[in-house]
Amino acid sequence: MASEAPPFWWQKPDWRAYALSPVSALYGFVASR
C-alpha cells in the first residue's frame, strides 16, 4: 500500500521556509556532531 505525497511538497517555499532555514542548518550541525 503506497501513500501519496502531501500536497505541500509540490508548492513553492514561502517566507516560513526561509525563516526556518538557519534553525535547520544549526540542527543539522548539532545532530552531525
N, C-alpha and C. Protein backbone atom coordinates (compact mmCIF):
# COMPACT_ATOMS: atom_id res chain seq x y z
N MET A 1 0.84 -1.18 0.00
CA MET A 1 0.00 0.00 0.00
C MET A 1 0.88 1.24 0.00
N ALA A 2 0.84 1.97 -1.06
CA ALA A 2 1.64 3.18 -1.19
C ALA A 2 0.82 4.40 -0.79
N SER A 3 1.48 5.28 -0.08
CA SER A 3 0.78 6.51 0.30
C SER A 3 1.17 7.63 -0.65
N GLU A 4 0.29 8.58 -0.77
CA GLU A 4 0.55 9.70 -1.68
C GLU A 4 1.35 10.78 -0.96
N ALA A 5 2.10 11.55 -1.73
CA ALA A 5 2.87 12.66 -1.18
C ALA A 5 1.91 13.76 -0.74
N PRO A 6 2.22 14.44 0.36
CA PRO A 6 1.35 15.52 0.79
C PRO A 6 1.36 16.68 -0.21
N PRO A 7 0.28 17.41 -0.32
CA PRO A 7 0.19 18.48 -1.32
C PRO A 7 1.25 19.57 -1.16
N PHE A 8 1.69 19.83 0.09
CA PHE A 8 2.65 20.92 0.27
C PHE A 8 4.01 20.62 -0.34
N TRP A 9 4.28 19.38 -0.68
CA TRP A 9 5.55 19.05 -1.33
C TRP A 9 5.65 19.68 -2.71
N TRP A 10 4.54 19.97 -3.33
CA TRP A 10 4.54 20.48 -4.70
C TRP A 10 4.39 21.99 -4.76
N GLN A 11 4.30 22.65 -3.60
CA GLN A 11 4.19 24.10 -3.57
C GLN A 11 5.57 24.73 -3.46
N LYS A 12 5.69 25.97 -3.93
CA LYS A 12 6.96 26.68 -3.79
C LYS A 12 7.12 27.12 -2.34
N PRO A 13 8.37 27.15 -1.85
CA PRO A 13 8.57 27.58 -0.45
C PRO A 13 8.21 29.05 -0.26
N ASP A 14 7.63 29.34 0.89
CA ASP A 14 7.29 30.73 1.19
C ASP A 14 8.24 31.26 2.27
N TRP A 15 7.88 32.37 2.89
CA TRP A 15 8.77 33.03 3.84
C TRP A 15 9.08 32.16 5.05
N ARG A 16 8.17 31.26 5.41
CA ARG A 16 8.40 30.42 6.59
C ARG A 16 9.56 29.45 6.36
N ALA A 17 9.67 28.94 5.15
CA ALA A 17 10.77 28.03 4.85
C ALA A 17 12.11 28.76 4.95
N TYR A 18 12.14 29.98 4.45
CA TYR A 18 13.38 30.76 4.52
C TYR A 18 13.68 31.21 5.95
N ALA A 19 12.65 31.49 6.74
CA ALA A 19 12.86 31.90 8.13
C ALA A 19 13.39 30.74 8.98
N LEU A 20 12.99 29.52 8.65
CA LEU A 20 13.44 28.35 9.43
C LEU A 20 14.74 27.75 8.91
N SER A 21 15.24 28.25 7.82
CA SER A 21 16.46 27.71 7.24
C SER A 21 17.66 27.76 8.19
N PRO A 22 17.93 28.89 8.87
CA PRO A 22 19.07 28.89 9.81
C PRO A 22 18.88 27.91 10.97
N VAL A 23 17.66 27.75 11.43
CA VAL A 23 17.39 26.80 12.51
C VAL A 23 17.69 25.38 12.05
N SER A 24 17.28 25.05 10.83
CA SER A 24 17.53 23.70 10.33
C SER A 24 19.02 23.45 10.11
N ALA A 25 19.75 24.47 9.68
CA ALA A 25 21.19 24.32 9.50
C ALA A 25 21.88 24.08 10.84
N LEU A 26 21.46 24.81 11.86
CA LEU A 26 22.03 24.62 13.19
C LEU A 26 21.70 23.24 13.72
N TYR A 27 20.47 22.80 13.55
CA TYR A 27 20.07 21.46 13.99
C TYR A 27 20.88 20.38 13.28
N GLY A 28 21.08 20.54 11.97
CA GLY A 28 21.88 19.58 11.22
C GLY A 28 23.32 19.53 11.71
N PHE A 29 23.87 20.69 12.05
CA PHE A 29 25.24 20.74 12.54
C PHE A 29 25.35 20.03 13.89
N VAL A 30 24.42 20.32 14.79
CA VAL A 30 24.43 19.70 16.13
C VAL A 30 24.21 18.20 16.01
N ALA A 31 23.30 17.79 15.16
CA ALA A 31 23.00 16.36 15.01
C ALA A 31 24.19 15.60 14.42
N SER A 32 24.96 16.25 13.58
CA SER A 32 26.10 15.56 12.98
C SER A 32 27.28 15.43 13.95
N ARG A 33 27.28 16.25 14.98
CA ARG A 33 28.35 16.16 15.98
C ARG A 33 28.03 15.02 16.90
